[in-house]
């Protein structure tokens, strides 16, 4: 297994190289540049032109790419023209916020979805099953940003139970209990909102797998031996039904780490998704290319994580 993991990691290197080349070329094809927004009727065009020359915008594309990729390999993704800070520092600040939101969202998602999927599959065609399926259809049909706005309006502005922006209350000292509680409190509403909409796929997959598993020969054999149904579900049906869920777990985690544009924008949560939108609006190429490279790496990592998790859940499966 370890040899396979090392081989998969080595394969990522040329994949990331090709991705970086495509990202760099496409970013350069975008209209405008980071200095376009500085142009006003009072701005001296020569000043803007000097900034472009100093930034190397008129160098051949392969020279610009070589300088960028060699610096990126050393952890230097350049300077943000909008935030006036190193790109690595900006992404590092936002990445921690997105990481915390992602972890809590995944916990809420599976704590809610797995019991509902098991109950729906075990009590197939019952009133409980139909109620869970109805909830899944409704959550699937509602656009994400609509539900997020409703939650912000009801729980943030009308009931005032949760904050509607930011990551921590202003004025708290870092490292104190009040500071950490405030960060957790700011995460509750966006994480719960994501979990309520994200349960549909997990519930439907788990429900279908359990319904199919109940008709399998190994289940009939176990029941004919007098094994209690509780043990049949826990040792046979539930474990095998988790395989499709485990296969998507890696993608779910890395997908959340990329940042949700909708949820971070609606809740004014300063994460990587919101940073990506802001960078596109301001034509901040350095941040855009670094973020897309990071997203590509997370996608490749998600594939590897899913295979590893799948082999852990069922040792009979070996990743290639």
C-alpha atoms as a PDB file:
ATOM      1  CA  UNK A   1       0.000   0.000   0.000  1.00  0.00           C
ATOM      2  CA  UNK A   2       2.819   2.433   0.869  1.00  0.00           C
ATOM      3  CA  UNK A   3       4.529   1.789  -2.453  1.00  0.00           C
ATOM      4  CA  UNK A   4       1.280   2.575  -4.231  1.00  0.00           C
ATOM      5  CA  UNK A   5       0.855   5.823  -2.299  1.00  0.00           C
ATOM      6  CA  UNK A   6       4.409   6.929  -3.129  1.00  0.00           C
ATOM      7  CA  UNK A   7       3.842   6.066  -6.796  1.00  0.00           C
ATOM      8  CA  UNK A   8       0.595   8.051  -6.872  1.00  0.00           C
ATOM      9  CA  UNK A   9       2.314  11.031  -5.271  1.00  0.00           C
ATOM     10  CA  UNK A  10       5.091  10.908  -7.884  1.00  0.00           C
ATOM     11  CA  UNK A  11       2.496  10.807 -10.664  1.00  0.00           C
ATOM     12  CA  UNK A  12       1.021  14.031  -9.272  1.00  0.00           C
ATOM     13  CA  UNK A  13       4.208  15.936 -10.134  1.00  0.00           C
ATOM     14  CA  UNK A  14       3.805  15.950 -13.965  1.00  0.00           C
ATOM     15  CA  UNK A  15       0.051  16.434 -13.537  1.00  0.00           C
ATOM     16  CA  UNK A  16       0.624  19.541 -11.444  1.00  0.00           C
ATOM     17  CA  UNK A  17       3.216  20.789 -13.943  1.00  0.00           C
ATOM     18  CA  UNK A  18       0.753  20.544 -16.843  1.00  0.00           C
ATOM     19  CA  UNK A  19      -1.946  22.153 -14.705  1.00  0.00           C
ATOM     20  CA  UNK A  20       0.342  25.032 -13.753  1.00  0.00           C
ATOM     21  CA  UNK A  21       1.148  25.702 -17.418  1.00  0.00           C
ATOM     22  CA  UNK A  22      -2.522  25.759 -18.407  1.00  0.00           C
ATOM     23  CA  UNK A  23      -3.449  27.977 -15.466  1.00  0.00           C
ATOM     24  CA  UNK A  24      -0.684  30.464 -16.213  1.00  0.00           C
ATOM     25  CA  UNK A  25      -1.578  30.764 -19.899  1.00  0.00           C
ATOM     26  CA  UNK A  26      -5.315  31.111 -19.238  1.00  0.00           C
ATOM     27  CA  UNK A  27      -4.744  33.700 -16.527  1.00  0.00           C
ATOM     28  CA  UNK A  28      -2.732  35.797 -18.950  1.00  0.00           C
ATOM     29  CA  UNK A  29      -5.607  35.697 -21.450  1.00  0.00           C
ATOM     30  CA  UNK A  30      -7.936  37.423 -18.992  1.00  0.00           C
ATOM     31  CA  UNK A  31      -8.787  41.018 -19.982  1.00  0.00           C
ATOM     32  CA  UNK A  32      -7.168  43.767 -17.981  1.00  0.00           C
ATOM     33  CA  UNK A  33      -4.512  43.490 -15.305  1.00  0.00           C
ATOM     34  CA  UNK A  34      -4.143  44.362 -11.606  1.00  0.00           C
ATOM     35  CA  UNK A  35      -3.197  47.928 -12.520  1.00  0.00           C
ATOM     36  CA  UNK A  36      -6.258  48.585 -14.690  1.00  0.00           C
ATOM     37  CA  UNK A  37      -8.317  49.506 -11.622  1.00  0.00           C
ATOM     38  CA  UNK A  38      -5.792  52.195 -10.703  1.00  0.00           C
ATOM     39  CA  UNK A  39      -6.479  54.161 -13.864  1.00  0.00           C
ATOM     40  CA  UNK A  40      -8.473  57.349 -13.246  1.00  0.00           C
ATOM     41  CA  UNK A  41      -8.726  60.616 -15.216  1.00  0.00           C
ATOM     42  CA  UNK A  42      -6.020  62.045 -12.938  1.00  0.00           C
ATOM     43  CA  UNK A  43      -3.660  59.060 -13.265  1.00  0.00           C
ATOM     44  CA  UNK A  44      -0.506  59.524 -15.291  1.00  0.00           C
ATOM     45  CA  UNK A  45      -0.430  56.689 -17.901  1.00  0.00           C
ATOM     46  CA  UNK A  46       3.355  56.606 -17.670  1.00  0.00           C
ATOM     47  CA  UNK A  47       3.182  55.644 -13.996  1.00  0.00           C
ATOM     48  CA  UNK A  48       0.889  52.699 -14.766  1.00  0.00           C
ATOM     49  CA  UNK A  49       3.147  51.681 -17.630  1.00  0.00           C
ATOM     50  CA  UNK A  50       6.203  51.734 -15.361  1.00  0.00           C
ATOM     51  CA  UNK A  51       4.393  49.478 -12.881  1.00  0.00           C
ATOM     52  CA  UNK A  52       3.586  46.997 -15.655  1.00  0.00           C
ATOM     53  CA  UNK A  53       7.187  46.942 -16.877  1.00  0.00           C
ATOM     54  CA  UNK A  54       8.500  46.504 -13.336  1.00  0.00           C
ATOM     55  CA  UNK A  55       6.086  43.598 -12.758  1.00  0.00           C
ATOM     56  CA  UNK A  56       7.402  41.892 -15.912  1.00  0.00           C
ATOM     57  CA  UNK A  57       4.098  41.951 -17.796  1.00  0.00           C
ATOM     58  CA  UNK A  58       5.858  42.616 -21.097  1.00  0.00           C
ATOM     59  CA  UNK A  59       8.359  39.776 -20.807  1.00  0.00           C
ATOM     60  CA  UNK A  60       7.822  36.734 -23.075  1.00  0.00           C
ATOM     61  CA  UNK A  61       5.247  34.364 -21.574  1.00  0.00           C
ATOM     62  CA  UNK A  62       7.765  31.552 -21.142  1.00  0.00           C
ATOM     63  CA  UNK A  63      10.083  33.862 -19.196  1.00  0.00           C
ATOM     64  CA  UNK A  64       7.207  34.912 -16.956  1.00  0.00           C
ATOM     65  CA  UNK A  65       6.182  31.280 -16.473  1.00  0.00           C
ATOM     66  CA  UNK A  66       9.700  30.139 -15.653  1.00  0.00           C
ATOM     67  CA  UNK A  67      10.114  32.886 -13.059  1.00  0.00           C
ATOM     68  CA  UNK A  68       6.739  32.097 -11.553  1.00  0.00           C
ATOM     69  CA  UNK A  69       7.079  28.296 -11.389  1.00  0.00           C
ATOM     70  CA  UNK A  70      10.609  28.383  -9.961  1.00  0.00           C
ATOM     71  CA  UNK A  71       9.519  30.788  -7.237  1.00  0.00           C
ATOM     72  CA  UNK A  72       6.354  28.770  -6.590  1.00  0.00           C
ATOM     73  CA  UNK A  73       8.414  25.607  -6.098  1.00  0.00           C
ATOM     74  CA  UNK A  74      10.141  27.447  -3.239  1.00  0.00           C
ATOM     75  CA  UNK A  75       6.843  28.558  -1.704  1.00  0.00           C
ATOM     76  CA  UNK A  76       6.965  32.074  -3.154  1.00  0.00           C
ATOM     77  CA  UNK A  77       3.813  32.742  -5.206  1.00  0.00           C
ATOM     78  CA  UNK A  78       4.564  36.384  -5.664  1.00  0.00           C
ATOM     79  CA  UNK A  79       3.044  39.561  -4.284  1.00  0.00           C
ATOM     80  CA  UNK A  80      -0.656  40.351  -4.266  1.00  0.00           C
ATOM     81  CA  UNK A  81      -1.262  43.620  -6.108  1.00  0.00           C
ATOM     82  CA  UNK A  82      -4.577  44.104  -4.297  1.00  0.00           C
ATOM     83  CA  UNK A  83      -3.678  43.243  -0.707  1.00  0.00           C
ATOM     84  CA  UNK A  84      -0.060  44.407  -0.920  1.00  0.00           C
ATOM     85  CA  UNK A  85       1.106  41.249   0.852  1.00  0.00           C
ATOM     86  CA  UNK A  86       2.821  37.993  -0.164  1.00  0.00           C
ATOM     87  CA  UNK A  87       0.318  35.579  -1.710  1.00  0.00           C
ATOM     88  CA  UNK A  88       1.415  32.739   0.574  1.00  0.00           C
ATOM     89  CA  UNK A  89       0.586  34.842   3.656  1.00  0.00           C
ATOM     90  CA  UNK A  90      -2.851  35.776   2.332  1.00  0.00           C
ATOM     91  CA  UNK A  91      -3.774  32.203   1.444  1.00  0.00           C
ATOM     92  CA  UNK A  92      -2.365  30.961   4.761  1.00  0.00           C
ATOM     93  CA  UNK A  93      -4.630  33.306   6.718  1.00  0.00           C
ATOM     94  CA  UNK A  94      -7.723  32.350   4.728  1.00  0.00           C
ATOM     95  CA  UNK A  95      -6.852  28.632   4.600  1.00  0.00           C
ATOM     96  CA  UNK A  96      -7.082  28.242   8.377  1.00  0.00           C
ATOM     97  CA  UNK A  97     -10.569  29.777   8.362  1.00  0.00           C
ATOM     98  CA  UNK A  98     -11.680  27.461   5.565  1.00  0.00           C
ATOM     99  CA  UNK A  99     -10.107  24.457   7.298  1.00  0.00           C
ATOM    100  CA  UNK A 100     -12.090  25.073  10.492  1.00  0.00           C
ATOM    101  CA  UNK A 101     -15.319  25.572   8.545  1.00  0.00           C
ATOM    102  CA  UNK A 102     -14.661  22.432   6.498  1.00  0.00           C
ATOM    103  CA  UNK A 103     -14.005  20.203   9.497  1.00  0.00           C
ATOM    104  CA  UNK A 104     -17.156  21.298  11.304  1.00  0.00           C
ATOM    105  CA  UNK A 105     -19.228  21.021   8.107  1.00  0.00           C
ATOM    106  CA  UNK A 106     -18.038  17.456   7.457  1.00  0.00           C
ATOM    107  CA  UNK A 107     -18.799  16.454  11.059  1.00  0.00           C
ATOM    108  CA  UNK A 108     -22.305  17.926  10.898  1.00  0.00           C
ATOM    109  CA  UNK A 109     -22.881  16.410   7.463  1.00  0.00           C
ATOM    110  CA  UNK A 110     -22.085  12.808   8.377  1.00  0.00           C
ATOM    111  CA  UNK A 111     -23.548  12.961  11.883  1.00  0.00           C
ATOM    112  CA  UNK A 112     -26.855  13.936  10.265  1.00  0.00           C
ATOM    113  CA  UNK A 113     -26.733  11.972   7.007  1.00  0.00           C
ATOM    114  CA  UNK A 114     -25.543   8.528   8.148  1.00  0.00           C
ATOM    115  CA  UNK A 115     -28.275   7.919  10.773  1.00  0.00           C
ATOM    116  CA  UNK A 116     -30.964   9.198   8.387  1.00  0.00           C
ATOM    117  CA  UNK A 117     -29.677   6.998   5.546  1.00  0.00           C
ATOM    118  CA  UNK A 118     -29.528   3.917   7.801  1.00  0.00           C
ATOM    119  CA  UNK A 119     -33.043   4.504   9.147  1.00  0.00           C
ATOM    120  CA  UNK A 120     -34.454   5.115   5.668  1.00  0.00           C
ATOM    121  CA  UNK A 121     -32.884   1.911   4.318  1.00  0.00           C
ATOM    122  CA  UNK A 122     -33.730  -0.276   7.299  1.00  0.00           C
ATOM    123  CA  UNK A 123     -37.373   0.825   7.493  1.00  0.00           C
ATOM    124  CA  UNK A 124     -37.933   0.936   3.748  1.00  0.00           C
ATOM    125  CA  UNK A 125     -41.378   2.180   2.602  1.00  0.00           C
ATOM    126  CA  UNK A 126     -42.360   3.186   6.131  1.00  0.00           C
ATOM    127  CA  UNK A 127     -43.602   6.642   7.090  1.00  0.00           C
ATOM    128  CA  UNK A 128     -40.126   7.417   8.465  1.00  0.00           C
ATOM    129  CA  UNK A 129     -38.493   6.431   5.182  1.00  0.00           C
ATOM    130  CA  UNK A 130     -40.896   8.549   3.147  1.00  0.00           C
ATOM    131  CA  UNK A 131     -40.331  11.526   5.444  1.00  0.00           C
ATOM    132  CA  UNK A 132     -36.531  11.249   5.060  1.00  0.00           C
ATOM    133  CA  UNK A 133     -36.819  10.898   1.275  1.00  0.00           C
ATOM    134  CA  UNK A 134     -39.084  13.974   1.180  1.00  0.00           C
ATOM    135  CA  UNK A 135     -36.524  15.928   3.186  1.00  0.00           C
ATOM    136  CA  UNK A 136     -33.780  14.805   0.768  1.00  0.00           C
ATOM    137  CA  UNK A 137     -35.770  15.926  -2.282  1.00  0.00           C
ATOM    138  CA  UNK A 138     -36.570  19.301  -0.740  1.00  0.00           C
ATOM    139  CA  UNK A 139     -32.954  19.959   0.295  1.00  0.00           C
ATOM    140  CA  UNK A 140     -31.765  18.898  -3.166  1.00  0.00           C
ATOM    141  CA  UNK A 141     -34.254  21.208  -4.918  1.00  0.00           C
ATOM    142  CA  UNK A 142     -33.459  24.345  -2.910  1.00  0.00           C
ATOM    143  CA  UNK A 143     -30.601  26.412  -4.404  1.00  0.00           C
ATOM    144  CA  UNK A 144     -27.762  26.728  -1.901  1.00  0.00           C
ATOM    145  CA  UNK A 145     -27.561  30.511  -1.872  1.00  0.00           C
ATOM    146  CA  UNK A 146     -31.329  30.796  -1.306  1.00  0.00           C
ATOM    147  CA  UNK A 147     -31.240  28.650   1.833  1.00  0.00           C
ATOM    148  CA  UNK A 148     -28.139  30.457   3.085  1.00  0.00           C
ATOM    149  CA  UNK A 149     -29.853  33.831   2.686  1.00  0.00           C
ATOM    150  CA  UNK A 150     -32.960  32.538   4.464  1.00  0.00           C
ATOM    151  CA  UNK A 151     -30.861  31.262   7.364  1.00  0.00           C
ATOM    152  CA  UNK A 152     -28.961  34.554   7.623  1.00  0.00           C
ATOM    153  CA  UNK A 153     -32.230  36.500   7.644  1.00  0.00           C
ATOM    154  CA  UNK A 154     -34.035  34.286  10.174  1.00  0.00           C
ATOM    155  CA  UNK A 155     -31.289  33.211  12.576  1.00  0.00           C
ATOM    156  CA  UNK A 156     -28.988  36.185  12.095  1.00  0.00           C
ATOM    157  CA  UNK A 157     -31.166  39.262  11.711  1.00  0.00           C
ATOM    158  CA  UNK A 158     -34.613  38.345  13.047  1.00  0.00           C
ATOM    159  CA  UNK A 159     -33.831  35.975  15.924  1.00  0.00           C
ATOM    160  CA  UNK A 160     -30.251  37.256  16.327  1.00  0.00           C
ATOM    161  CA  UNK A 161     -29.053  33.849  17.526  1.00  0.00           C
ATOM    162  CA  UNK A 162     -25.888  33.785  15.417  1.00  0.00           C
ATOM    163  CA  UNK A 163     -23.445  36.346  13.965  1.00  0.00           C
ATOM    164  CA  UNK A 164     -23.835  37.055  10.266  1.00  0.00           C
ATOM    165  CA  UNK A 165     -20.258  37.899   9.290  1.00  0.00           C
ATOM    166  CA  UNK A 166     -16.626  37.508  10.256  1.00  0.00           C
ATOM    167  CA  UNK A 167     -14.798  34.765  12.129  1.00  0.00           C
ATOM    168  CA  UNK A 168     -14.485  36.157  15.646  1.00  0.00           C
ATOM    169  CA  UNK A 169     -15.903  38.961  17.756  1.00  0.00           C
ATOM    170  CA  UNK A 170     -13.867  42.164  17.648  1.00  0.00           C
ATOM    171  CA  UNK A 171     -11.838  43.018  20.721  1.00  0.00           C
ATOM    172  CA  UNK A 172     -11.191  39.522  22.070  1.00  0.00           C
ATOM    173  CA  UNK A 173      -7.639  38.519  22.953  1.00  0.00           C
ATOM    174  CA  UNK A 174      -6.292  35.569  20.931  1.00  0.00           C
ATOM    175  CA  UNK A 175      -5.644  32.463  23.009  1.00  0.00           C
ATOM    176  CA  UNK A 176      -8.397  33.087  25.540  1.00  0.00           C
ATOM    177  CA  UNK A 177     -11.428  30.844  26.056  1.00  0.00           C
ATOM    178  CA  UNK A 178     -13.749  33.642  24.909  1.00  0.00           C
ATOM    179  CA  UNK A 179     -11.748  33.983  21.685  1.00  0.00           C
ATOM    180  CA  UNK A 180     -11.991  30.276  20.781  1.00  0.00           C
ATOM    181  CA  UNK A 181     -15.660  30.116  21.731  1.00  0.00           C
ATOM    182  CA  UNK A 182     -16.360  33.113  19.506  1.00  0.00           C
ATOM    183  CA  UNK A 183     -14.617  31.457  16.547  1.00  0.00           C
ATOM    184  CA  UNK A 184     -16.652  28.289  17.080  1.00  0.00           C
ATOM    185  CA  UNK A 185     -19.856  30.305  17.478  1.00  0.00           C
ATOM    186  CA  UNK A 186     -19.222  32.076  14.157  1.00  0.00           C
ATOM    187  CA  UNK A 187     -18.819  28.671  12.461  1.00  0.00           C
ATOM    188  CA  UNK A 188     -22.078  27.108  13.662  1.00  0.00           C
ATOM    189  CA  UNK A 189     -24.572  28.721  11.285  1.00  0.00           C
ATOM    190  CA  UNK A 190     -22.587  28.360   7.997  1.00  0.00           C
ATOM    191  CA  UNK A 191     -21.512  24.786   8.862  1.00  0.00           C
ATOM    192  CA  UNK A 192     -25.054  23.715   9.789  1.00  0.00           C
ATOM    193  CA  UNK A 193     -26.425  25.364   6.632  1.00  0.00           C
ATOM    194  CA  UNK A 194     -23.982  23.459   4.441  1.00  0.00           C
ATOM    195  CA  UNK A 195     -24.696  20.177   6.228  1.00  0.00           C
ATOM    196  CA  UNK A 196     -28.474  20.474   5.763  1.00  0.00           C
ATOM    197  CA  UNK A 197     -28.046  20.824   1.987  1.00  0.00           C
ATOM    198  CA  UNK A 198     -25.171  18.365   1.613  1.00  0.00           C
ATOM    199  CA  UNK A 199     -26.870  15.345   3.157  1.00  0.00           C
ATOM    200  CA  UNK A 200     -28.906  14.418   0.082  1.00  0.00           C
ATOM    201  CA  UNK A 201     -26.254  12.391  -1.731  1.00  0.00           C
ATOM    202  CA  UNK A 202     -25.078  10.536   1.363  1.00  0.00           C
ATOM    203  CA  UNK A 203     -28.637   9.656   2.451  1.00  0.00           C
ATOM    204  CA  UNK A 204     -29.674   8.396  -0.976  1.00  0.00           C
ATOM    205  CA  UNK A 205     -26.502   6.349  -1.505  1.00  0.00           C
ATOM    206  CA  UNK A 206     -26.677   4.770   1.949  1.00  0.00           C
ATOM    207  CA  UNK A 207     -30.412   4.099   1.708  1.00  0.00           C
ATOM    208  CA  UNK A 208     -30.085   2.403  -1.695  1.00  0.00           C
ATOM    209  CA  UNK A 209     -27.120   0.300  -0.590  1.00  0.00           C
ATOM    210  CA  UNK A 210     -28.918  -0.930   2.543  1.00  0.00           C
ATOM    211  CA  UNK A 211     -32.073  -1.799   0.596  1.00  0.00           C
ATOM    212  CA  UNK A 212     -30.011  -3.767  -1.930  1.00  0.00           C
ATOM    213  CA  UNK A 213     -27.911  -5.436   0.781  1.00  0.00           C
ATOM    214  CA  UNK A 214     -30.995  -6.801   2.562  1.00  0.00           C
ATOM    215  CA  UNK A 215     -31.672  -9.074  -0.425  1.00  0.00           C
ATOM    216  CA  UNK A 216     -28.105 -10.400  -0.718  1.00  0.00           C
ATOM    217  CA  UNK A 217     -27.284 -14.066  -0.058  1.00  0.00           C
ATOM    218  CA  UNK A 218     -24.834 -13.355   2.762  1.00  0.00           C
ATOM    219  CA  UNK A 219     -27.585 -11.513   4.663  1.00  0.00           C
ATOM    220  CA  UNK A 220     -30.051 -14.357   4.139  1.00  0.00           C
ATOM    221  CA  UNK A 221     -27.416 -16.829   5.310  1.00  0.00           C
ATOM    222  CA  UNK A 222     -26.707 -14.812   8.444  1.00  0.00           C
ATOM    223  CA  UNK A 223     -30.395 -14.576   9.260  1.00  0.00           C
ATOM    224  CA  UNK A 224     -30.899 -18.294   8.677  1.00  0.00           C
ATOM    225  CA  UNK A 225     -28.185 -18.985  11.251  1.00  0.00           C
ATOM    226  CA  UNK A 226     -30.204 -17.135  13.844  1.00  0.00           C
ATOM    227  CA  UNK A 227     -27.986 -14.078  14.076  1.00  0.00           C
ATOM    228  CA  UNK A 228     -29.987 -11.183  15.552  1.00  0.00           C
ATOM    229  CA  UNK A 229     -30.966  -8.491  13.064  1.00  0.00           C
ATOM    230  CA  UNK A 230     -29.072  -5.873  15.064  1.00  0.00           C
ATOM    231  CA  UNK A 231     -25.796  -7.749  14.489  1.00  0.00           C
ATOM    232  CA  UNK A 232     -26.676  -8.440  10.847  1.00  0.00           C
ATOM    233  CA  UNK A 233     -27.019  -4.715  10.247  1.00  0.00           C
ATOM    234  CA  UNK A 234     -23.942  -3.675  12.229  1.00  0.00           C
ATOM    235  CA  UNK A 235     -21.535  -6.389  11.041  1.00  0.00           C
ATOM    236  CA  UNK A 236     -22.692  -7.052   7.494  1.00  0.00           C
ATOM    237  CA  UNK A 237     -25.140  -4.615   5.910  1.00  0.00           C
ATOM    238  CA  UNK A 238     -23.893  -1.348   7.393  1.00  0.00           C
ATOM    239  CA  UNK A 239     -20.206  -2.025   6.740  1.00  0.00           C
ATOM    240  CA  UNK A 240     -20.713  -2.974   3.099  1.00  0.00           C
ATOM    241  CA  UNK A 241     -23.125  -0.092   2.544  1.00  0.00           C
ATOM    242  CA  UNK A 242     -20.515   2.412   3.704  1.00  0.00           C
ATOM    243  CA  UNK A 243     -18.203   1.672   0.765  1.00  0.00           C
ATOM    244  CA  UNK A 244     -19.778   4.198  -1.664  1.00  0.00           C
ATOM    245  CA  UNK A 245     -19.805   6.824   1.097  1.00  0.00           C
ATOM    246  CA  UNK A 246     -16.141   6.154   1.877  1.00  0.00           C
ATOM    247  CA  UNK A 247     -15.309   6.461  -1.815  1.00  0.00           C
ATOM    248  CA  UNK A 248     -16.554  10.068  -1.841  1.00  0.00           C
ATOM    249  CA  UNK A 249     -15.238  11.091   1.579  1.00  0.00           C
ATOM    250  CA  UNK A 250     -11.838  12.182   0.295  1.00  0.00           C
ATOM    251  CA  UNK A 251     -13.404  14.353  -2.423  1.00  0.00           C
ATOM    252  CA  UNK A 252     -15.827  15.816   0.126  1.00  0.00           C
ATOM    253  CA  UNK A 253     -13.036  16.836   2.479  1.00  0.00           C
ATOM    254  CA  UNK A 254     -10.742  18.323  -0.166  1.00  0.00           C
ATOM    255  CA  UNK A 255     -13.688  19.958  -1.916  1.00  0.00           C
ATOM    256  CA  UNK A 256     -14.607  21.772   1.274  1.00  0.00           C
ATOM    257  CA  UNK A 257     -10.988  22.764   1.808  1.00  0.00           C
ATOM    258  CA  UNK A 258     -11.130  24.588  -1.513  1.00  0.00           C
ATOM    259  CA  UNK A 259     -13.709  26.896   0.037  1.00  0.00           C
ATOM    260  CA  UNK A 260     -17.368  27.317  -0.769  1.00  0.00           C
ATOM    261  CA  UNK A 261     -17.907  30.478  -2.788  1.00  0.00           C
ATOM    262  CA  UNK A 262     -21.619  30.687  -1.972  1.00  0.00           C
ATOM    263  CA  UNK A 263     -21.462  30.041   1.747  1.00  0.00           C
ATOM    264  CA  UNK A 264     -18.423  32.235   2.380  1.00  0.00           C
ATOM    265  CA  UNK A 265     -19.890  35.093   0.346  1.00  0.00           C
ATOM    266  CA  UNK A 266     -23.374  34.971   1.887  1.00  0.00           C
ATOM    267  CA  UNK A 267     -22.056  34.674   5.444  1.00  0.00           C
ATOM    268  CA  UNK A 268     -19.225  37.171   4.773  1.00  0.00           C
ATOM    269  CA  UNK A 269     -16.815  34.528   6.009  1.00  0.00           C
ATOM    270  CA  UNK A 270     -13.209  35.331   5.004  1.00  0.00           C
ATOM    271  CA  UNK A 271     -12.176  31.986   3.567  1.00  0.00           C
ATOM    272  CA  UNK A 272     -10.516  30.797   0.371  1.00  0.00           C
ATOM    273  CA  UNK A 273     -13.726  30.751  -1.671  1.00  0.00           C
ATOM    274  CA  UNK A 274     -14.408  34.416  -0.960  1.00  0.00           C
ATOM    275  CA  UNK A 275     -10.754  35.231  -1.628  1.00  0.00           C
ATOM    276  CA  UNK A 276     -11.018  33.569  -5.049  1.00  0.00           C
ATOM    277  CA  UNK A 277     -14.001  35.747  -6.034  1.00  0.00           C
ATOM    278  CA  UNK A 278     -12.283  38.905  -4.795  1.00  0.00           C
ATOM    279  CA  UNK A 279      -9.105  38.043  -6.729  1.00  0.00           C
ATOM    280  CA  UNK A 280     -10.991  37.525  -9.991  1.00  0.00           C
ATOM    281  CA  UNK A 281     -12.819  40.830  -9.558  1.00  0.00           C
ATOM    282  CA  UNK A 282      -9.567  42.705  -8.978  1.00  0.00           C
ATOM    283  CA  UNK A 283      -7.584  40.801 -11.664  1.00  0.00           C
ATOM    284  CA  UNK A 284      -5.056  39.741  -9.030  1.00  0.00           C
ATOM    285  CA  UNK A 285      -3.255  37.152 -11.180  1.00  0.00           C
ATOM    286  CA  UNK A 286      -0.801  36.106  -8.496  1.00  0.00           C
ATOM    287  CA  UNK A 287      -3.576  35.061  -6.115  1.00  0.00           C
ATOM    288  CA  UNK A 288      -5.726  33.505  -8.863  1.00  0.00           C
ATOM    289  CA  UNK A 289      -2.971  31.242 -10.193  1.00  0.00           C
ATOM    290  CA  UNK A 290      -1.881  30.191  -6.701  1.00  0.00           C
ATOM    291  CA  UNK A 291      -5.451  29.348  -5.664  1.00  0.00           C
ATOM    292  CA  UNK A 292      -6.243  27.351  -8.800  1.00  0.00           C
ATOM    293  CA  UNK A 293      -2.993  25.431  -8.391  1.00  0.00           C
ATOM    294  CA  UNK A 294      -3.988  24.666  -4.810  1.00  0.00           C
ATOM    295  CA  UNK A 295      -7.454  23.539  -5.937  1.00  0.00           C
ATOM    296  CA  UNK A 296      -5.898  21.227  -8.513  1.00  0.00           C
ATOM    297  CA  UNK A 297      -3.605  19.718  -5.899  1.00  0.00           C
ATOM    298  CA  UNK A 298      -6.553  19.204  -3.533  1.00  0.00           C
ATOM    299  CA  UNK A 299      -8.507  17.439  -6.297  1.00  0.00           C
ATOM    300  CA  UNK A 300      -5.631  15.003  -6.873  1.00  0.00           C
ATOM    301  CA  UNK A 301      -5.220  14.563  -3.134  1.00  0.00           C
ATOM    302  CA  UNK A 302      -8.945  13.861  -2.779  1.00  0.00           C
ATOM    303  CA  UNK A 303      -8.703  10.999  -5.241  1.00  0.00           C
ATOM    304  CA  UNK A 304      -5.839   9.449  -3.279  1.00  0.00           C
ATOM    305  CA  UNK A 305      -7.581   9.965   0.076  1.00  0.00           C
ATOM    306  CA  UNK A 306     -10.754   8.315  -1.182  1.00  0.00           C
ATOM    307  CA  UNK A 307      -8.826   5.227  -2.260  1.00  0.00           C
ATOM    308  CA  UNK A 308      -7.003   5.050   1.073  1.00  0.00           C
ATOM    309  CA  UNK A 309     -10.212   5.455   3.085  1.00  0.00           C
ATOM    310  CA  UNK A 310     -11.910   2.821   0.927  1.00  0.00           C
ATOM    311  CA  UNK A 311      -9.118   0.313   1.599  1.00  0.00           C
ATOM    312  CA  UNK A 312      -9.322   1.014   5.348  1.00  0.00           C
ATOM    313  CA  UNK A 313     -13.091   0.464   5.473  1.00  0.00           C
ATOM    314  CA  UNK A 314     -12.782  -2.765   3.498  1.00  0.00           C
ATOM    315  CA  UNK A 315      -9.290  -4.374   3.749  1.00  0.00           C
ATOM    316  CA  UNK A 316     -10.179  -6.667   0.839  1.00  0.00           C
ATOM    317  CA  UNK A 317      -9.862  -3.651  -1.462  1.00  0.00           C
ATOM    318  CA  UNK A 318      -6.340  -2.717  -2.487  1.00  0.00           C
ATOM    319  CA  UNK A 319      -5.532   0.531  -4.275  1.00  0.00           C
ATOM    320  CA  UNK A 320      -3.556   0.282  -7.498  1.00  0.00           C
END
